[in-house]
Amino acid sequence: MALLKRINPSSKINNDTGFGTNASDYGGRFINRDGSFNLRKEGMPFWERFSIYHRMLNLPRWKFITLIICFFLVINVAYTIIYLLIGTDGFTGMLAKTNWQKVKEVYFFSTETFTTVGYGRVNPVGDGVNFVASIEAMSGFLSFAVATGLLYGRFSKPRSYLVFSDFALIAPYQDKTALMFRFASYKDNHILTNVEIKVNVGLQVEENEKHVYKFFDLHLERSRVDSLPMNWTVVHPIDEDSPFAGFTEEDMKLSDVELYVLVRGFDDVYSTVVLQRTSYTYEEIKFNKKFRPMYRESDDGKTTILELHKLNEHVDIK
């Protein structure tokens, strides 16, 4: 019960986080820094759990492009092998003399058929290659329809475009201390309005000789702003109502502290509400630090400059 007694009894408990309480059943953090849940599902076949569409929409851009290119190359290599197995005598207009030249000509015929470009010098004349070419043409336009839908889905998917500081800090605040972190909207001409933030904390405590998690709402200095053109430093005053009242850095570690952050805002580009999650574990909370300012006046005095590269800059408090 030692840790449980250290938690401020006036703190507001939140039992609606969606997380369980038995500490022995959890591995690692609840929320990853990118906002995804640190969870792997088992007990059902993979093909029932896996969503190709959802996965493709959320792949990093470089992986998505690489996958599209690899798919195009692999499927055309597969059709090339089929054509070669049927025989190149089913084609007319081929100028190749060596086997390697024939492979190249058949491969490029496959790409032209798959994309329905059809330049016309090499043509199928045999029944076998004509049949395969017709199947390839159908698979080609179906594949491009799917790829077009995925490209549109990725471009049209609403995003918050928020970047969070790597660390939360315990810093002086008025006549006491506060837990702080900050974030900013990093896209030009992309400003959220009616932005709301909610921060919960999970603490591991000992209760009835068992290690369990308790979740608390953190009272914030400000939980809403009308618009977010600049950065926002989120401040939780550590006062008589805070679950961190009297906590030391060692207490944070023993309690396996994790902050769960949820930001919502209205995006006028997509005319919808967007959200983003992130979290901070006790290892990502630094004591006796404070953030450096991250905006300045332009040289001509007519514009405010938001220096996004300074999002994580902080100094020691002497």
Protein backbone atom coordinates (compact mmCIF):
# COMPACT_ATOMS: atom_id res chain seq x y z
CA MET A 1 0.00 0.00 0.00
CA ALA A 2 3.02 2.29 0.12
CA LEU A 3 2.55 3.79 -3.32
CA LEU A 4 -1.20 4.04 -2.99
CA LYS A 5 -0.81 6.23 0.10
CA ARG A 6 1.44 8.62 -1.81
CA ILE A 7 -1.26 9.41 -4.35
CA ASN A 8 -3.24 12.50 -3.55
CA PRO A 9 -6.70 11.33 -2.39
CA SER A 10 -8.32 14.41 -3.93
CA SER A 11 -7.13 13.47 -7.43
CA LYS A 12 -9.90 12.76 -9.92
CA ILE A 13 -9.93 9.08 -10.87
CA ASN A 14 -10.80 8.22 -14.47
CA ASN A 15 -12.17 4.70 -14.96
CA ASP A 16 -13.17 5.32 -18.59
CA THR A 17 -9.79 5.13 -20.33
CA GLY A 18 -10.49 1.73 -21.90
CA PHE A 19 -7.42 0.21 -20.25
CA GLY A 20 -7.50 -2.55 -17.67
CA THR A 21 -6.12 -2.35 -14.14
CA ASN A 22 -4.11 -5.53 -13.56
CA ALA A 23 -0.49 -4.43 -13.93
CA SER A 24 0.87 -7.96 -14.40
CA ASP A 25 -1.12 -8.35 -17.64
CA TYR A 26 0.49 -5.38 -19.41
CA GLY A 27 3.75 -5.19 -21.33
CA GLY A 28 5.40 -1.82 -21.93
CA ARG A 29 3.53 1.40 -22.51
CA PHE A 30 -0.16 1.75 -23.29
CA ILE A 31 0.21 4.22 -26.19
CA ASN A 32 3.16 4.49 -28.58
CA ARG A 33 4.63 7.92 -29.30
CA ASP A 34 3.06 7.90 -32.78
CA GLY A 35 -0.39 7.52 -31.19
CA SER A 36 -0.93 3.85 -32.01
CA PHE A 37 -1.91 1.45 -29.27
CA ASN A 38 0.87 -0.80 -28.02
CA LEU A 39 -1.21 -3.91 -28.57
CA ARG A 40 -1.02 -7.13 -30.57
CA LYS A 41 -4.15 -9.20 -31.08
CA GLU A 42 -4.25 -12.99 -31.11
CA GLY A 43 -6.87 -15.72 -31.01
CA MET A 44 -8.36 -15.27 -34.50
CA PRO A 45 -6.92 -16.11 -37.92
CA PHE A 46 -4.63 -13.45 -39.34
CA TRP A 47 -6.73 -12.97 -42.49
CA GLU A 48 -9.75 -12.05 -40.36
CA ARG A 49 -7.83 -9.53 -38.29
CA PHE A 50 -5.82 -7.95 -41.09
CA SER A 51 -7.29 -5.09 -43.15
CA ILE A 52 -5.38 -4.51 -46.40
CA TYR A 53 -7.15 -1.20 -47.05
CA HIS A 54 -6.48 0.16 -43.56
CA ARG A 55 -2.87 -1.03 -43.69
CA MET A 56 -2.23 0.58 -47.08
CA LEU A 57 -3.79 3.87 -45.98
CA ASN A 58 -1.52 4.04 -42.94
CA LEU A 59 1.76 2.82 -44.42
CA PRO A 60 4.58 5.37 -44.38
CA ARG A 61 4.84 7.12 -47.74
CA TRP A 62 8.13 5.49 -48.74
CA LYS A 63 6.80 2.03 -47.92
CA PHE A 64 3.61 2.66 -49.90
CA ILE A 65 5.53 3.82 -52.99
CA THR A 66 7.99 0.93 -52.68
CA LEU A 67 5.15 -1.57 -52.39
CA ILE A 68 3.40 -0.20 -55.50
CA ILE A 69 6.63 -0.39 -57.52
CA CYS A 70 7.43 -3.89 -56.27
CA PHE A 71 3.91 -5.08 -57.08
CA PHE A 72 4.20 -3.73 -60.62
CA LEU A 73 7.57 -5.40 -61.16
CA VAL A 74 6.63 -8.73 -59.60
CA ILE A 75 3.31 -9.16 -61.40
CA ASN A 76 4.90 -8.37 -64.75
CA VAL A 77 7.73 -10.82 -64.08
CA ALA A 78 5.08 -13.44 -63.27
CA TYR A 79 3.24 -12.83 -66.55
CA THR A 80 6.54 -12.84 -68.43
CA ILE A 81 7.31 -16.31 -67.05
CA ILE A 82 3.86 -17.53 -68.12
CA TYR A 83 4.35 -16.17 -71.65
CA LEU A 84 7.78 -17.80 -71.90
CA LEU A 85 6.37 -21.12 -70.69
CA ILE A 86 3.71 -20.97 -73.42
CA GLY A 87 6.37 -20.08 -76.01
CA THR A 88 7.51 -16.99 -77.86
CA ASP A 89 6.29 -18.43 -81.14
CA GLY A 90 2.85 -17.19 -80.05
CA PHE A 91 4.00 -13.60 -80.70
CA THR A 92 4.57 -11.69 -83.91
CA GLY A 93 6.76 -8.66 -84.47
CA MET A 94 9.61 -9.76 -82.18
CA LEU A 95 13.08 -8.63 -83.26
CA ALA A 96 15.00 -10.47 -80.53
CA LYS A 97 17.75 -12.89 -81.54
CA THR A 98 19.08 -14.13 -78.20
CA ASN A 99 17.16 -15.69 -75.32
CA TRP A 100 17.84 -12.69 -73.06
CA GLN A 101 16.53 -10.31 -75.72
CA LYS A 102 13.39 -12.42 -76.01
CA VAL A 103 12.90 -12.25 -72.23
CA LYS A 104 13.18 -8.46 -72.33
CA GLU A 105 10.77 -8.12 -75.24
CA VAL A 106 8.19 -10.35 -73.56
CA TYR A 107 8.61 -8.47 -70.27
CA PHE A 108 8.02 -5.10 -71.91
CA PHE A 109 5.07 -6.55 -73.84
CA SER A 110 3.68 -7.58 -70.46
CA THR A 111 4.07 -4.06 -69.02
CA GLU A 112 2.39 -2.57 -72.08
CA THR A 113 -0.51 -5.02 -71.79
CA PHE A 114 -0.83 -4.57 -68.01
CA THR A 115 -1.04 -0.79 -68.38
CA THR A 116 -3.20 -1.11 -71.56
CA VAL A 117 -0.68 1.10 -73.42
CA GLY A 118 -0.18 -1.43 -76.22
CA TYR A 119 2.50 0.11 -78.47
CA GLY A 120 1.75 -2.45 -81.13
CA ARG A 121 4.98 -3.89 -82.55
CA VAL A 122 4.81 -7.15 -80.58
CA ASN A 123 1.39 -8.78 -80.79
CA PRO A 124 0.00 -12.07 -79.50
CA VAL A 125 -1.20 -14.39 -82.26
CA GLY A 126 -1.46 -17.73 -80.47
CA ASP A 127 -4.57 -18.71 -78.51
CA GLY A 128 -2.59 -19.33 -75.33
CA VAL A 129 -0.80 -15.97 -75.21
CA ASN A 130 -3.96 -14.14 -76.32
CA PHE A 131 -5.88 -15.68 -73.43
CA VAL A 132 -3.16 -14.76 -70.91
CA ALA A 133 -2.92 -11.25 -72.39
CA SER A 134 -6.66 -10.75 -71.97
CA ILE A 135 -6.45 -11.83 -68.31
CA GLU A 136 -3.46 -9.54 -67.78
CA ALA A 137 -5.26 -6.58 -69.31
CA MET A 138 -8.21 -7.14 -66.97
CA SER A 139 -5.96 -7.51 -63.91
CA GLY A 140 -4.12 -4.36 -65.02
CA PHE A 141 -7.08 -1.99 -65.09
CA LEU A 142 -8.46 -3.51 -61.88
CA SER A 143 -5.09 -3.00 -60.18
CA PHE A 144 -4.90 0.61 -61.31
CA ALA A 145 -8.43 1.22 -60.07
CA VAL A 146 -7.43 -0.09 -56.64
CA ALA A 147 -4.18 1.92 -56.66
CA THR A 148 -6.08 5.08 -57.65
CA GLY A 149 -8.54 4.54 -54.79
CA LEU A 150 -5.69 4.06 -52.33
CA LEU A 151 -3.90 7.18 -53.58
CA TYR A 152 -7.08 9.22 -53.25
CA GLY A 153 -7.74 7.75 -49.81
CA ARG A 154 -4.25 8.65 -48.62
CA PHE A 155 -4.42 12.20 -49.98
CA SER A 156 -7.95 12.84 -48.73
CA LYS A 157 -7.54 11.28 -45.30
CA PRO A 158 -7.91 14.00 -42.64
CA ARG A 159 -4.76 14.46 -40.56
CA SER A 160 -3.95 16.66 -37.61
CA TYR A 161 -0.33 17.37 -38.64
CA LEU A 162 0.78 17.90 -35.05
CA VAL A 163 4.28 17.32 -33.73
CA PHE A 164 4.89 16.80 -30.00
CA SER A 165 7.96 17.49 -27.92
CA ASP A 166 10.06 14.40 -27.23
CA PHE A 167 9.94 15.01 -23.48
CA ALA A 168 7.62 16.34 -20.80
CA LEU A 169 9.26 18.54 -18.19
CA ILE A 170 8.78 19.27 -14.51
CA ALA A 171 9.42 23.01 -14.29
CA PRO A 172 8.67 25.97 -12.02
CA TYR A 173 5.21 27.40 -12.52
CA GLN A 174 4.06 30.51 -10.69
CA ASP A 175 4.77 29.74 -7.01
CA LYS A 176 4.88 25.95 -7.47
CA THR A 177 5.89 23.40 -10.09
CA ALA A 178 4.09 21.96 -13.09
CA LEU A 179 4.34 19.17 -15.61
CA MET A 180 4.66 20.55 -19.13
CA PHE A 181 4.98 19.40 -22.72
CA ARG A 182 4.30 21.20 -25.95
CA PHE A 183 3.21 20.62 -29.51
CA ALA A 184 2.66 22.58 -32.69
CA SER A 185 0.89 22.36 -36.04
CA TYR A 186 3.76 22.04 -38.52
CA LYS A 187 2.04 22.40 -41.91
CA ASP A 188 1.91 25.78 -43.63
CA ASN A 189 -1.62 27.15 -44.05
CA HIS A 190 -3.00 24.27 -41.98
CA ILE A 191 -4.45 25.60 -38.73
CA LEU A 192 -6.78 23.76 -36.37
CA THR A 193 -9.60 25.60 -34.60
CA ASN A 194 -11.56 24.77 -31.44
CA VAL A 195 -8.66 22.65 -30.26
CA GLU A 196 -9.24 20.62 -27.09
CA ILE A 197 -6.78 18.49 -25.16
CA LYS A 198 -7.26 15.83 -22.51
CA VAL A 199 -4.44 14.31 -20.49
CA ASN A 200 -4.72 11.23 -18.30
CA VAL A 201 -2.06 9.52 -16.26
CA GLY A 202 -1.71 5.85 -15.40
CA LEU A 203 0.00 4.98 -12.10
CA GLN A 204 0.94 1.53 -10.89
CA VAL A 205 0.06 1.04 -7.23
CA GLU A 206 -0.15 -1.80 -4.76
CA GLU A 207 -3.67 -2.65 -3.66
CA ASN A 208 -4.75 -5.77 -1.76
CA GLU A 209 -1.24 -7.17 -2.29
CA LYS A 210 -1.62 -6.82 -6.06
CA HIS A 211 -0.07 -4.36 -8.50
CA VAL A 212 -2.82 -2.48 -10.29
CA TYR A 213 -3.10 0.63 -12.45
CA LYS A 214 -5.04 3.69 -11.38
CA PHE A 215 -5.94 6.30 -13.96
CA PHE A 216 -6.43 9.98 -13.19
CA ASP A 217 -7.54 13.05 -15.12
CA LEU A 218 -4.92 15.76 -15.03
CA HIS A 219 -6.24 19.26 -14.46
CA LEU A 220 -4.70 21.61 -17.03
CA GLU A 221 -4.00 25.30 -16.89
CA ARG A 222 -5.81 25.48 -20.24
CA SER A 223 -7.61 22.62 -21.96
CA ARG A 224 -8.92 24.48 -25.01
CA VAL A 225 -7.78 27.16 -27.47
CA ASP A 226 -9.76 28.84 -30.23
CA SER A 227 -7.05 28.25 -32.83
CA LEU A 228 -3.57 26.74 -33.05
CA PRO A 229 -1.39 28.83 -35.39
CA MET A 230 1.64 28.51 -33.09
CA ASN A 231 2.87 26.09 -30.47
CA TRP A 232 0.94 25.21 -27.33
CA THR A 233 2.69 24.47 -24.05
CA VAL A 234 0.34 22.23 -22.07
CA VAL A 235 0.67 22.83 -18.32
CA HIS A 236 -0.53 20.65 -15.46
CA PRO A 237 0.01 22.51 -12.17
CA ILE A 238 1.23 20.15 -9.45
CA ASP A 239 -0.98 21.41 -6.64
CA GLU A 240 -3.15 19.96 -3.89
CA ASP A 241 -5.43 18.32 -6.49
CA SER A 242 -2.66 16.72 -8.57
CA PRO A 243 -1.87 12.99 -8.34
CA PHE A 244 1.79 14.04 -8.58
CA ALA A 245 1.69 16.04 -5.34
CA GLY A 246 4.82 15.10 -3.40
CA PHE A 247 6.16 12.86 -6.17
CA THR A 248 9.88 12.62 -6.77
CA GLU A 249 11.64 11.34 -9.88
CA GLU A 250 12.05 7.97 -8.15
CA ASP A 251 8.32 7.89 -7.37
CA MET A 252 7.60 8.39 -11.08
CA LYS A 253 9.72 5.38 -11.91
CA LEU A 254 8.30 3.14 -9.16
CA SER A 255 4.76 4.07 -10.20
CA ASP A 256 5.50 3.34 -13.90
CA VAL A 257 3.97 6.68 -14.84
CA GLU A 258 2.54 7.13 -18.33
CA LEU A 259 0.76 10.21 -19.61
CA TYR A 260 -1.94 9.60 -22.21
CA VAL A 261 -2.57 12.66 -24.41
CA LEU A 262 -5.53 13.15 -26.74
CA VAL A 263 -5.90 16.25 -28.92
CA ARG A 264 -9.00 17.08 -30.95
CA GLY A 265 -9.56 19.99 -33.30
CA PHE A 266 -11.60 21.13 -36.27
CA ASP A 267 -9.73 21.16 -39.56
CA ASP A 268 -11.26 23.61 -42.03
CA VAL A 269 -9.27 22.07 -44.92
CA TYR A 270 -11.21 18.80 -44.57
CA SER A 271 -14.19 20.34 -42.72
CA THR A 272 -14.06 17.64 -40.08
CA VAL A 273 -12.74 16.93 -36.61
CA VAL A 274 -9.27 15.37 -36.46
CA LEU A 275 -7.49 13.86 -33.49
CA GLN A 276 -4.05 12.72 -32.49
CA ARG A 277 -2.77 10.68 -29.56
CA THR A 278 0.60 10.36 -27.95
CA SER A 279 2.06 9.40 -24.59
CA TYR A 280 4.97 10.05 -22.26
CA THR A 281 6.39 7.44 -19.91
CA TYR A 282 8.35 8.23 -16.75
CA GLU A 283 11.56 7.84 -18.79
CA GLU A 284 10.39 10.73 -20.99
CA ILE A 285 9.68 13.11 -18.10
CA LYS A 286 12.62 15.31 -17.09
CA PHE A 287 12.89 17.15 -13.78
CA ASN A 288 14.18 20.68 -13.19
CA LYS A 289 14.07 21.71 -16.85
CA LYS A 290 12.21 24.37 -18.76
CA PHE A 291 11.49 24.92 -22.44
CA ARG A 292 13.19 27.61 -24.48
CA PRO A 293 10.91 29.99 -26.41
CA MET A 294 10.38 28.75 -29.96
CA TYR A 295 9.11 31.85 -31.73
CA ARG A 296 10.62 35.25 -32.51
CA GLU A 297 10.00 38.44 -34.39
CA SER A 298 11.16 38.64 -38.01
CA ASP A 299 13.98 40.98 -38.93
CA ASP A 300 11.59 43.55 -40.40
CA GLY A 301 9.35 43.35 -37.33
CA LYS A 302 6.27 42.51 -39.40
CA THR A 303 6.00 38.72 -38.93
CA THR A 304 6.22 36.18 -36.14
CA ILE A 305 8.56 33.26 -36.87
CA LEU A 306 7.70 29.88 -35.34
CA GLU A 307 10.95 27.92 -35.05
CA LEU A 308 9.82 24.32 -35.20
CA HIS A 309 13.37 23.01 -34.83
CA LYS A 310 13.33 24.38 -31.28
CA LEU A 311 10.35 22.30 -30.19
CA ASN A 312 12.51 20.10 -27.93
CA GLU A 313 15.01 22.71 -26.75
CA HIS A 314 15.14 23.06 -22.98
CA VAL A 315 17.57 24.26 -20.34
CA ASP A 316 18.45 23.24 -16.81
CA ILE A 317 16.99 25.18 -13.93
CA LYS A 318 19.68 26.40 -11.59
